[in-house]
């Protein structure tokens, strides 16, 4: 269910669309990926300000959720003083990286849009996600469930929200939102019980 409750945020630049994702109890959902379909005629290619890198640090994937464009080559630097072996069985891009040690980096290219769930063959508790997207209008929510989508004007947009706890096919919520620069859109999603993210 999409709620389009505009709340004025005067400090927000006019070309930024702030979106908040909350669960069914109204609690902000962090590390949700918001993707907005480009309007007709928009030919902007996906590219993001952050590095296409998923590090291993303190036996965890950092960041826990990474957004990359289709075709991106992602670096996997090992910042731990022990070895890791990364893998994914996810349909959009199954792969395996054999054991490698501290201060070494391996890379892998992701050619298909979708969600890549990551694990480590050596450390079962390690879990991370790469969201491969074909839209340039994507962002990850912060601790307050807020994300800023840049480069879009006022309009009605098709929106996809992904999070590992969302109750929906592939962890996705799909809907339409009326968004206006300077005003906050709010999306409520049903999630499964869980702690952390």
N, C-alpha and C. Protein backbone atom coordinates (compact mmCIF):
# COMPACT_ATOMS: atom_id res chain seq x y z
N UNK A 1 0.84 -1.17 0.00
CA UNK A 1 0.00 0.00 0.00
C UNK A 1 0.89 1.23 0.00
N UNK A 2 0.66 2.14 -0.91
CA UNK A 2 1.48 3.35 -0.99
C UNK A 2 0.74 4.50 -0.35
N UNK A 3 1.42 5.21 0.51
CA UNK A 3 0.87 6.40 1.10
C UNK A 3 1.62 7.58 0.51
N UNK A 4 0.91 8.54 0.01
CA UNK A 4 1.56 9.72 -0.56
C UNK A 4 1.21 10.92 0.31
N UNK A 5 1.80 10.93 1.49
CA UNK A 5 1.57 12.00 2.43
C UNK A 5 2.70 13.00 2.32
N UNK A 6 2.49 14.09 1.57
CA UNK A 6 3.59 15.04 1.40
C UNK A 6 3.84 15.84 2.68
N UNK A 7 5.10 15.86 3.09
CA UNK A 7 5.51 16.66 4.22
C UNK A 7 6.58 17.61 3.71
N UNK A 8 6.38 18.90 3.91
CA UNK A 8 7.30 19.89 3.37
C UNK A 8 8.65 19.81 4.05
N UNK A 9 9.69 19.73 3.24
CA UNK A 9 11.06 19.76 3.76
C UNK A 9 11.75 20.92 3.06
N UNK A 10 11.80 22.05 3.71
CA UNK A 10 12.26 23.26 3.05
C UNK A 10 13.73 23.22 2.67
N UNK A 11 14.55 22.45 3.39
CA UNK A 11 15.98 22.43 3.11
C UNK A 11 16.34 21.50 1.95
N UNK A 12 15.38 20.80 1.38
CA UNK A 12 15.66 19.85 0.32
C UNK A 12 15.74 20.56 -1.02
N UNK A 13 16.82 20.34 -1.80
CA UNK A 13 16.91 20.96 -3.12
C UNK A 13 15.74 20.53 -4.01
N UNK A 14 15.38 21.38 -4.96
CA UNK A 14 14.18 21.16 -5.77
C UNK A 14 14.25 19.91 -6.63
N UNK A 15 15.45 19.43 -7.00
CA UNK A 15 15.53 18.26 -7.87
C UNK A 15 15.74 16.96 -7.10
N UNK A 16 15.56 16.99 -5.78
CA UNK A 16 15.71 15.79 -4.96
C UNK A 16 14.34 15.37 -4.44
N UNK A 17 14.03 14.07 -4.62
CA UNK A 17 12.78 13.53 -4.13
C UNK A 17 13.06 12.70 -2.89
N UNK A 18 12.70 13.20 -1.71
CA UNK A 18 12.90 12.40 -0.50
C UNK A 18 11.78 11.38 -0.35
N UNK A 19 12.15 10.14 -0.05
CA UNK A 19 11.18 9.06 0.13
C UNK A 19 11.51 8.36 1.44
N UNK A 20 10.48 8.08 2.24
CA UNK A 20 10.68 7.34 3.47
C UNK A 20 9.96 6.00 3.36
N UNK A 21 10.64 4.93 3.79
CA UNK A 21 10.06 3.60 3.82
C UNK A 21 9.86 3.20 5.27
N UNK A 22 8.63 2.77 5.59
CA UNK A 22 8.31 2.32 6.94
C UNK A 22 7.62 0.97 6.85
N UNK A 23 7.66 0.24 7.97
CA UNK A 23 6.96 -1.04 7.99
C UNK A 23 5.50 -0.84 8.39
N UNK A 24 4.75 -1.94 8.52
CA UNK A 24 3.32 -1.85 8.78
C UNK A 24 3.00 -1.21 10.13
N UNK A 25 3.98 -1.13 11.03
CA UNK A 25 3.78 -0.46 12.32
C UNK A 25 4.24 0.99 12.28
N UNK A 26 4.72 1.44 11.12
CA UNK A 26 5.20 2.81 10.99
C UNK A 26 6.64 3.01 11.40
N UNK A 27 7.36 1.90 11.65
CA UNK A 27 8.77 1.98 12.04
C UNK A 27 9.64 2.11 10.80
N UNK A 28 10.56 3.08 10.76
CA UNK A 28 11.43 3.25 9.59
C UNK A 28 12.20 1.97 9.26
N UNK A 29 12.33 1.69 7.97
CA UNK A 29 13.02 0.50 7.50
C UNK A 29 14.34 0.92 6.87
N UNK A 30 15.44 0.53 7.52
CA UNK A 30 16.75 0.91 7.01
C UNK A 30 17.24 -0.12 5.99
N UNK A 31 18.11 0.35 5.08
CA UNK A 31 18.69 -0.49 4.03
C UNK A 31 17.66 -1.03 3.05
N UNK A 32 16.55 -0.33 2.91
CA UNK A 32 15.61 -0.65 1.83
C UNK A 32 16.11 0.05 0.56
N UNK A 33 15.96 -0.63 -0.58
CA UNK A 33 16.37 -0.04 -1.85
C UNK A 33 15.12 0.46 -2.56
N UNK A 34 15.12 1.76 -2.90
CA UNK A 34 14.01 2.37 -3.62
C UNK A 34 14.47 2.59 -5.05
N UNK A 35 13.71 2.05 -6.00
CA UNK A 35 14.01 2.23 -7.42
C UNK A 35 12.80 2.86 -8.09
N UNK A 36 13.04 3.93 -8.83
CA UNK A 36 11.96 4.61 -9.55
C UNK A 36 12.21 4.45 -11.04
N UNK A 37 11.19 3.98 -11.74
CA UNK A 37 11.30 3.81 -13.19
C UNK A 37 11.46 5.16 -13.85
N UNK A 38 12.38 5.27 -14.82
CA UNK A 38 12.57 6.55 -15.51
C UNK A 38 11.32 6.96 -16.29
N UNK A 39 11.03 8.24 -16.35
CA UNK A 39 9.91 8.70 -17.17
C UNK A 39 10.18 8.44 -18.65
N UNK A 40 9.12 8.39 -19.43
CA UNK A 40 9.24 8.15 -20.87
C UNK A 40 10.19 9.17 -21.50
N UNK A 41 11.09 8.69 -22.34
CA UNK A 41 12.03 9.56 -23.03
C UNK A 41 13.31 9.82 -22.27
N UNK A 42 13.39 9.40 -21.02
CA UNK A 42 14.60 9.62 -20.23
C UNK A 42 15.64 8.57 -20.62
N UNK A 43 16.80 9.01 -21.05
CA UNK A 43 17.84 8.08 -21.52
C UNK A 43 19.06 8.07 -20.60
N UNK A 44 18.94 8.66 -19.44
CA UNK A 44 20.06 8.69 -18.49
C UNK A 44 20.43 7.26 -18.09
N UNK A 45 21.72 6.97 -18.13
CA UNK A 45 22.20 5.63 -17.76
C UNK A 45 22.46 5.57 -16.26
N UNK A 46 22.25 4.40 -15.66
CA UNK A 46 22.52 4.27 -14.23
C UNK A 46 24.00 4.49 -13.90
N UNK A 47 24.25 5.35 -12.94
CA UNK A 47 25.59 5.60 -12.40
C UNK A 47 25.38 6.23 -11.04
N UNK A 48 26.18 5.81 -10.07
CA UNK A 48 25.96 6.29 -8.70
C UNK A 48 27.24 6.89 -8.14
N UNK A 49 27.09 7.71 -7.11
CA UNK A 49 28.22 8.45 -6.54
C UNK A 49 29.13 7.55 -5.70
N UNK A 50 28.62 6.46 -5.19
CA UNK A 50 29.42 5.59 -4.33
C UNK A 50 30.22 4.59 -5.16
N UNK A 51 31.21 3.97 -4.55
CA UNK A 51 32.05 2.97 -5.22
C UNK A 51 31.30 1.66 -5.36
N UNK A 52 31.57 0.97 -6.45
CA UNK A 52 31.03 -0.37 -6.65
C UNK A 52 31.93 -1.34 -5.89
N UNK A 53 31.80 -1.34 -4.56
CA UNK A 53 32.68 -2.16 -3.73
C UNK A 53 31.91 -2.70 -2.54
N UNK A 54 32.14 -3.98 -2.24
CA UNK A 54 31.56 -4.65 -1.07
C UNK A 54 32.72 -5.27 -0.31
N UNK A 55 33.13 -4.59 0.76
CA UNK A 55 34.29 -5.04 1.54
C UNK A 55 33.89 -6.11 2.54
N UNK A 56 34.89 -6.83 3.00
CA UNK A 56 34.72 -7.71 4.15
C UNK A 56 35.55 -7.11 5.27
N UNK A 57 34.85 -6.74 6.35
CA UNK A 57 35.51 -6.08 7.47
C UNK A 57 34.85 -6.54 8.76
N UNK A 58 35.65 -6.96 9.73
CA UNK A 58 35.12 -7.48 11.00
C UNK A 58 34.13 -8.62 10.77
N UNK A 59 34.45 -9.46 9.81
CA UNK A 59 33.64 -10.61 9.42
C UNK A 59 32.21 -10.22 9.09
N UNK A 60 32.08 -9.12 8.33
CA UNK A 60 30.78 -8.65 7.85
C UNK A 60 30.98 -8.02 6.47
N UNK A 61 29.92 -8.02 5.68
CA UNK A 61 29.95 -7.31 4.41
C UNK A 61 29.64 -5.84 4.66
N UNK A 62 30.46 -4.96 4.10
CA UNK A 62 30.32 -3.52 4.29
C UNK A 62 30.33 -2.83 2.93
N UNK A 63 29.26 -2.11 2.54
CA UNK A 63 28.00 -1.97 3.28
C UNK A 63 27.20 -3.27 3.21
N UNK A 64 26.24 -3.42 4.08
CA UNK A 64 25.44 -4.65 4.06
C UNK A 64 24.60 -4.77 2.81
N UNK A 65 24.18 -3.62 2.25
CA UNK A 65 23.41 -3.57 1.01
C UNK A 65 24.06 -2.56 0.08
N UNK A 66 24.33 -2.98 -1.14
CA UNK A 66 24.99 -2.13 -2.13
C UNK A 66 24.14 -2.09 -3.39
N UNK A 67 23.94 -0.89 -3.94
CA UNK A 67 23.24 -0.71 -5.21
C UNK A 67 24.27 -0.47 -6.30
N UNK A 68 24.16 -1.23 -7.41
CA UNK A 68 25.06 -1.03 -8.54
C UNK A 68 24.26 -1.07 -9.83
N UNK A 69 24.75 -0.42 -10.89
CA UNK A 69 24.07 -0.49 -12.18
C UNK A 69 24.34 -1.82 -12.88
N UNK A 70 23.42 -2.21 -13.75
CA UNK A 70 23.62 -3.41 -14.56
C UNK A 70 24.94 -3.29 -15.31
N UNK A 71 25.71 -4.36 -15.30
CA UNK A 71 27.01 -4.37 -15.98
C UNK A 71 28.17 -3.96 -15.11
N UNK A 72 27.90 -3.56 -13.87
CA UNK A 72 28.97 -3.08 -12.99
C UNK A 72 29.93 -4.20 -12.61
N UNK A 73 31.19 -3.83 -12.52
CA UNK A 73 32.20 -4.72 -11.95
C UNK A 73 32.36 -4.30 -10.49
N UNK A 74 32.07 -5.23 -9.57
CA UNK A 74 32.11 -4.92 -8.14
C UNK A 74 33.40 -5.47 -7.54
N UNK A 75 34.08 -4.63 -6.77
CA UNK A 75 35.29 -5.04 -6.06
C UNK A 75 34.90 -5.61 -4.69
N UNK A 76 35.62 -6.66 -4.29
CA UNK A 76 35.41 -7.29 -2.99
C UNK A 76 36.72 -7.26 -2.20
N UNK A 77 37.09 -6.11 -1.62
CA UNK A 77 38.33 -6.04 -0.86
C UNK A 77 38.19 -6.74 0.49
N UNK A 78 39.21 -7.52 0.85
CA UNK A 78 39.22 -8.20 2.13
C UNK A 78 40.04 -7.36 3.11
N UNK A 79 39.36 -6.75 4.08
CA UNK A 79 40.01 -5.90 5.06
C UNK A 79 40.21 -6.62 6.39
N UNK A 80 39.87 -7.90 6.43
CA UNK A 80 40.06 -8.71 7.64
C UNK A 80 41.44 -9.36 7.63
N UNK A 81 41.89 -9.81 8.81
CA UNK A 81 43.18 -10.50 8.88
C UNK A 81 42.99 -12.02 8.78
N UNK A 82 41.95 -12.42 8.07
CA UNK A 82 41.69 -13.83 7.79
C UNK A 82 41.12 -13.93 6.39
N UNK A 83 41.01 -15.15 5.89
CA UNK A 83 40.60 -15.33 4.50
C UNK A 83 39.08 -15.48 4.38
N UNK A 84 38.58 -15.05 3.21
CA UNK A 84 37.15 -15.18 2.90
C UNK A 84 36.97 -15.86 1.55
N UNK A 85 35.83 -16.48 1.36
CA UNK A 85 35.43 -17.07 0.09
C UNK A 85 33.98 -16.69 -0.15
N UNK A 86 33.74 -15.84 -1.13
CA UNK A 86 32.41 -15.26 -1.34
C UNK A 86 31.65 -16.06 -2.39
N UNK A 87 30.33 -16.16 -2.19
CA UNK A 87 29.50 -16.88 -3.16
C UNK A 87 28.09 -16.32 -3.18
N UNK A 88 27.37 -16.66 -4.24
CA UNK A 88 25.94 -16.38 -4.32
C UNK A 88 25.29 -17.44 -5.20
N UNK A 89 24.12 -17.89 -4.78
CA UNK A 89 23.31 -18.80 -5.58
C UNK A 89 22.14 -18.06 -6.23
N UNK A 90 22.10 -16.75 -6.12
CA UNK A 90 20.97 -15.96 -6.62
C UNK A 90 20.85 -16.07 -8.13
N UNK A 91 19.63 -16.20 -8.61
CA UNK A 91 19.36 -16.41 -10.03
C UNK A 91 19.94 -15.33 -10.94
N UNK A 92 19.87 -14.04 -10.58
CA UNK A 92 20.42 -13.02 -11.49
C UNK A 92 21.93 -13.11 -11.70
N UNK A 93 22.65 -13.78 -10.80
CA UNK A 93 24.11 -13.79 -10.97
C UNK A 93 24.82 -14.71 -10.01
N UNK A 94 24.63 -16.03 -10.13
CA UNK A 94 25.38 -16.92 -9.26
C UNK A 94 26.88 -16.83 -9.56
N UNK A 95 27.69 -16.90 -8.49
CA UNK A 95 29.14 -16.84 -8.69
C UNK A 95 29.84 -17.35 -7.44
N UNK A 96 31.14 -17.58 -7.57
CA UNK A 96 31.96 -17.98 -6.42
C UNK A 96 33.34 -17.37 -6.58
N UNK A 97 33.85 -16.83 -5.49
CA UNK A 97 35.21 -16.32 -5.44
C UNK A 97 35.95 -17.17 -4.41
N UNK A 98 37.01 -17.84 -4.84
CA UNK A 98 37.77 -18.72 -3.95
C UNK A 98 38.48 -17.93 -2.86
N UNK A 99 38.97 -18.64 -1.88
CA UNK A 99 39.63 -18.04 -0.72
C UNK A 99 40.70 -17.01 -1.12
N UNK A 100 40.65 -15.86 -0.44
CA UNK A 100 41.70 -14.86 -0.61
C UNK A 100 41.89 -14.12 0.70
N UNK A 101 43.07 -13.54 0.87
CA UNK A 101 43.46 -13.03 2.17
C UNK A 101 43.39 -11.53 2.36
N UNK A 102 43.91 -11.11 3.50
CA UNK A 102 43.89 -9.71 3.92
C UNK A 102 44.56 -8.82 2.88
N UNK A 103 43.94 -7.65 2.64
CA UNK A 103 44.43 -6.63 1.72
C UNK A 103 44.46 -7.10 0.26
N UNK A 104 43.78 -8.20 -0.02
CA UNK A 104 43.60 -8.63 -1.41
C UNK A 104 42.18 -8.26 -1.84
N UNK A 105 42.02 -8.10 -3.16
CA UNK A 105 40.71 -7.74 -3.72
C UNK A 105 40.41 -8.66 -4.88
N UNK A 106 39.17 -9.07 -4.98
CA UNK A 106 38.68 -9.82 -6.12
C UNK A 106 37.52 -9.02 -6.71
N UNK A 107 37.19 -9.28 -7.97
CA UNK A 107 36.10 -8.57 -8.61
C UNK A 107 35.16 -9.55 -9.31
N UNK A 108 33.94 -9.07 -9.54
CA UNK A 108 32.97 -9.86 -10.30
C UNK A 108 32.02 -8.88 -10.99
N UNK A 109 31.62 -9.22 -12.23
CA UNK A 109 30.69 -8.37 -12.98
C UNK A 109 29.28 -8.91 -12.86
N UNK A 110 28.32 -7.99 -12.69
CA UNK A 110 26.90 -8.34 -12.56
C UNK A 110 26.14 -7.80 -13.77
N UNK A 111 25.67 -8.71 -14.61
CA UNK A 111 25.11 -8.34 -15.91
C UNK A 111 23.59 -8.32 -15.96
N UNK A 112 22.93 -8.82 -14.92
CA UNK A 112 21.47 -8.94 -14.93
C UNK A 112 20.89 -8.22 -13.72
N UNK A 113 19.81 -7.46 -13.93
CA UNK A 113 19.16 -6.75 -12.82
C UNK A 113 18.52 -7.74 -11.86
N UNK A 114 18.55 -7.40 -10.58
CA UNK A 114 17.94 -8.24 -9.55
C UNK A 114 18.74 -8.17 -8.27
N UNK A 115 18.41 -9.06 -7.35
CA UNK A 115 19.05 -9.09 -6.04
C UNK A 115 20.02 -10.25 -5.93
N UNK A 116 21.23 -9.94 -5.49
CA UNK A 116 22.27 -10.94 -5.29
C UNK A 116 22.49 -11.07 -3.78
N UNK A 117 22.12 -12.22 -3.22
CA UNK A 117 22.39 -12.48 -1.80
C UNK A 117 23.78 -13.08 -1.67
N UNK A 118 24.59 -12.49 -0.80
CA UNK A 118 25.99 -12.90 -0.64
C UNK A 118 26.19 -13.70 0.64
N UNK A 119 27.11 -14.64 0.57
CA UNK A 119 27.53 -15.39 1.75
C UNK A 119 29.02 -15.63 1.67
N UNK A 120 29.56 -16.14 2.77
CA UNK A 120 30.96 -16.53 2.83
C UNK A 120 31.02 -18.02 3.18
N UNK A 121 31.74 -18.79 2.37
CA UNK A 121 31.85 -20.23 2.61
C UNK A 121 32.53 -20.56 3.93
N UNK A 122 33.30 -19.63 4.47
CA UNK A 122 34.06 -19.87 5.70
C UNK A 122 33.31 -19.36 6.93
N UNK A 123 32.57 -18.25 6.78
CA UNK A 123 31.91 -17.60 7.91
C UNK A 123 30.40 -17.51 7.63
N UNK A 124 29.67 -18.48 8.16
CA UNK A 124 28.24 -18.60 7.86
C UNK A 124 27.41 -17.40 8.29
N UNK A 125 27.86 -16.66 9.31
CA UNK A 125 27.05 -15.54 9.79
C UNK A 125 27.11 -14.33 8.84
N UNK A 126 28.06 -14.32 7.93
CA UNK A 126 28.19 -13.18 7.01
C UNK A 126 27.07 -13.22 5.96
N UNK A 127 26.38 -12.09 5.83
CA UNK A 127 25.32 -11.98 4.84
C UNK A 127 25.30 -10.56 4.29
N UNK A 128 25.20 -10.44 3.00
CA UNK A 128 25.13 -9.14 2.36
C UNK A 128 24.28 -9.22 1.11
N UNK A 129 23.96 -8.06 0.54
CA UNK A 129 23.10 -8.01 -0.64
C UNK A 129 23.61 -6.97 -1.63
N UNK A 130 23.58 -7.34 -2.89
CA UNK A 130 23.85 -6.39 -3.97
C UNK A 130 22.57 -6.30 -4.79
N UNK A 131 22.07 -5.08 -4.93
CA UNK A 131 20.89 -4.84 -5.75
C UNK A 131 21.37 -4.27 -7.07
N UNK A 132 21.24 -5.05 -8.14
CA UNK A 132 21.67 -4.64 -9.47
C UNK A 132 20.47 -4.02 -10.16
N UNK A 133 20.61 -2.78 -10.60
CA UNK A 133 19.45 -2.05 -11.12
C UNK A 133 19.71 -1.49 -12.51
N UNK A 134 18.62 -1.32 -13.27
CA UNK A 134 18.73 -0.72 -14.60
C UNK A 134 18.14 0.69 -14.64
N UNK A 135 17.85 1.25 -13.46
CA UNK A 135 17.37 2.63 -13.41
C UNK A 135 18.41 3.52 -12.72
N UNK A 136 18.58 4.75 -13.21
CA UNK A 136 19.52 5.66 -12.53
C UNK A 136 18.92 6.27 -11.27
N UNK A 137 17.63 6.05 -11.07
CA UNK A 137 16.93 6.67 -9.95
C UNK A 137 16.72 5.65 -8.85
N UNK A 138 17.77 5.43 -8.08
CA UNK A 138 17.75 4.43 -7.01
C UNK A 138 18.55 4.94 -5.83
N UNK A 139 18.14 4.54 -4.63
CA UNK A 139 18.85 4.93 -3.41
C UNK A 139 18.50 3.94 -2.30
N UNK A 140 19.36 3.94 -1.27
CA UNK A 140 19.17 3.06 -0.11
C UNK A 140 18.75 3.90 1.08
N UNK A 141 17.80 3.41 1.85
CA UNK A 141 17.29 4.16 3.00
C UNK A 141 18.27 4.12 4.17
N UNK A 142 18.27 5.20 4.95
CA UNK A 142 19.15 5.31 6.10
C UNK A 142 18.44 4.81 7.37
N UNK A 143 19.01 5.09 8.53
CA UNK A 143 18.43 4.62 9.80
C UNK A 143 17.01 5.13 10.02
N UNK A 144 16.67 6.26 9.43
CA UNK A 144 15.33 6.82 9.55
C UNK A 144 14.41 6.40 8.42
N UNK A 145 14.87 5.43 7.61
CA UNK A 145 14.06 4.97 6.49
C UNK A 145 14.04 5.93 5.33
N UNK A 146 14.89 6.95 5.35
CA UNK A 146 14.88 8.01 4.33
C UNK A 146 15.91 7.76 3.23
N UNK A 147 15.51 8.06 2.01
CA UNK A 147 16.41 8.01 0.86
C UNK A 147 16.12 9.22 -0.01
N UNK A 148 17.14 9.70 -0.70
CA UNK A 148 16.99 10.85 -1.59
C UNK A 148 17.21 10.41 -3.03
N UNK A 149 16.19 10.56 -3.85
CA UNK A 149 16.27 10.24 -5.27
C UNK A 149 16.52 11.54 -6.02
N UNK A 150 17.63 11.61 -6.74
CA UNK A 150 18.01 12.85 -7.42
C UNK A 150 17.71 12.80 -8.91
N UNK A 151 17.38 13.96 -9.47
CA UNK A 151 17.27 14.11 -10.91
C UNK A 151 15.89 13.93 -11.50
N UNK A 152 14.86 13.79 -10.67
CA UNK A 152 13.50 13.64 -11.19
C UNK A 152 12.65 14.84 -10.81
N UNK A 153 11.72 15.17 -11.65
CA UNK A 153 10.78 16.24 -11.36
C UNK A 153 9.48 15.70 -10.81
N UNK A 154 8.55 16.59 -10.63
CA UNK A 154 7.22 16.23 -10.14
C UNK A 154 6.55 15.26 -11.10
N UNK A 155 5.85 14.28 -10.54
CA UNK A 155 5.14 13.34 -11.40
C UNK A 155 4.68 12.10 -10.67
N UNK A 156 4.00 11.23 -11.42
CA UNK A 156 3.57 9.94 -10.91
C UNK A 156 4.52 8.89 -11.45
N UNK A 157 5.09 8.10 -10.56
CA UNK A 157 6.14 7.17 -10.95
C UNK A 157 5.83 5.75 -10.49
N UNK A 158 6.32 4.79 -11.29
CA UNK A 158 6.32 3.39 -10.86
C UNK A 158 7.51 3.19 -9.93
N UNK A 159 7.25 2.60 -8.78
CA UNK A 159 8.27 2.46 -7.75
C UNK A 159 8.40 0.99 -7.35
N UNK A 160 9.63 0.56 -7.15
CA UNK A 160 9.91 -0.76 -6.58
C UNK A 160 10.73 -0.53 -5.31
N UNK A 161 10.31 -1.17 -4.22
CA UNK A 161 11.09 -1.14 -2.98
C UNK A 161 11.52 -2.58 -2.70
N UNK A 162 12.82 -2.76 -2.45
CA UNK A 162 13.33 -4.09 -2.10
C UNK A 162 13.94 -4.06 -0.72
N UNK A 163 13.70 -5.12 0.03
CA UNK A 163 14.33 -5.34 1.34
C UNK A 163 14.19 -6.83 1.64
N UNK A 164 15.19 -7.46 2.28
CA UNK A 164 15.09 -8.91 2.50
C UNK A 164 13.91 -9.34 3.36
N UNK A 165 13.32 -8.41 4.14
CA UNK A 165 12.20 -8.78 5.00
C UNK A 165 10.83 -8.43 4.42
N UNK A 166 10.77 -7.79 3.26
CA UNK A 166 9.47 -7.44 2.69
C UNK A 166 8.71 -8.71 2.31
N UNK A 167 7.42 -8.72 2.68
CA UNK A 167 6.54 -9.83 2.30
C UNK A 167 6.08 -9.59 0.87
N UNK A 168 6.73 -10.22 -0.06
CA UNK A 168 6.41 -10.05 -1.47
C UNK A 168 7.36 -10.87 -2.29
N UNK A 169 7.00 -11.15 -3.51
CA UNK A 169 7.85 -11.94 -4.38
C UNK A 169 9.22 -11.29 -4.50
N UNK A 170 10.26 -12.06 -4.19
CA UNK A 170 11.62 -11.55 -4.29
C UNK A 170 11.94 -10.43 -3.32
N UNK A 171 11.14 -10.29 -2.25
CA UNK A 171 11.37 -9.22 -1.28
C UNK A 171 11.04 -7.84 -1.83
N UNK A 172 10.13 -7.79 -2.81
CA UNK A 172 9.80 -6.52 -3.46
C UNK A 172 8.38 -6.06 -3.18
N UNK A 173 8.24 -4.75 -3.06
CA UNK A 173 6.94 -4.07 -3.06
C UNK A 173 6.90 -3.24 -4.33
N UNK A 174 5.78 -3.29 -5.05
CA UNK A 174 5.63 -2.50 -6.28
C UNK A 174 4.38 -1.65 -6.20
N UNK A 175 4.48 -0.42 -6.68
CA UNK A 175 3.33 0.46 -6.67
C UNK A 175 3.62 1.75 -7.42
N UNK A 176 2.70 2.69 -7.32
CA UNK A 176 2.85 4.01 -7.93
C UNK A 176 2.86 5.06 -6.83
N UNK A 177 3.60 6.13 -7.08
CA UNK A 177 3.65 7.24 -6.14
C UNK A 177 3.61 8.56 -6.89
N UNK A 178 2.91 9.50 -6.29
CA UNK A 178 2.96 10.89 -6.77
C UNK A 178 4.05 11.58 -5.97
N UNK A 179 5.09 12.00 -6.66
CA UNK A 179 6.22 12.63 -5.99
C UNK A 179 6.41 14.05 -6.47
N UNK A 180 6.83 14.89 -5.56
CA UNK A 180 7.05 16.30 -5.88
C UNK A 180 8.32 16.76 -5.19
N UNK A 181 9.26 17.35 -5.93
CA UNK A 181 10.49 17.84 -5.31
C UNK A 181 10.20 18.72 -4.10
N UNK A 182 10.95 18.49 -3.03
CA UNK A 182 10.76 19.27 -1.81
C UNK A 182 9.76 18.66 -0.85
N UNK A 183 8.95 17.73 -1.33
CA UNK A 183 7.98 17.06 -0.45
C UNK A 183 8.38 15.60 -0.27
N UNK A 184 8.12 15.08 0.90
CA UNK A 184 8.51 13.70 1.21
C UNK A 184 7.39 12.72 0.86
N UNK A 185 7.76 11.70 0.09
CA UNK A 185 6.84 10.60 -0.16
C UNK A 185 7.05 9.54 0.91
N UNK A 186 6.00 8.81 1.23
CA UNK A 186 6.10 7.79 2.27
C UNK A 186 5.51 6.48 1.74
N UNK A 187 6.27 5.41 1.90
CA UNK A 187 5.82 4.09 1.45
C UNK A 187 5.76 3.17 2.66
N UNK A 188 4.60 2.53 2.85
CA UNK A 188 4.46 1.57 3.92
C UNK A 188 4.48 0.17 3.31
N UNK A 189 5.34 -0.69 3.84
CA UNK A 189 5.48 -2.04 3.32
C UNK A 189 5.28 -3.04 4.45
N UNK A 190 4.73 -4.19 4.12
CA UNK A 190 4.57 -5.26 5.09
C UNK A 190 5.86 -6.06 5.14
N UNK A 191 6.38 -6.28 6.34
CA UNK A 191 7.63 -7.02 6.50
C UNK A 191 7.43 -8.20 7.43
N UNK A 192 8.30 -9.19 7.25
CA UNK A 192 8.33 -10.34 8.16
C UNK A 192 9.04 -9.94 9.44
N UNK A 193 8.73 -10.60 10.55
CA UNK A 193 9.44 -10.31 11.80
C UNK A 193 10.93 -10.57 11.64
N UNK A 194 11.70 -9.80 12.34
CA UNK A 194 13.15 -9.97 12.29
C UNK A 194 13.82 -8.88 13.06
N UNK A 195 15.10 -9.08 13.37
CA UNK A 195 15.82 -8.03 14.08
C UNK A 195 16.84 -7.41 13.15
N UNK A 196 17.45 -6.36 13.59
CA UNK A 196 18.45 -5.67 12.76
C UNK A 196 17.75 -4.97 11.63
N UNK A 197 18.20 -5.25 10.40
CA UNK A 197 17.64 -4.61 9.22
C UNK A 197 16.17 -4.89 9.13
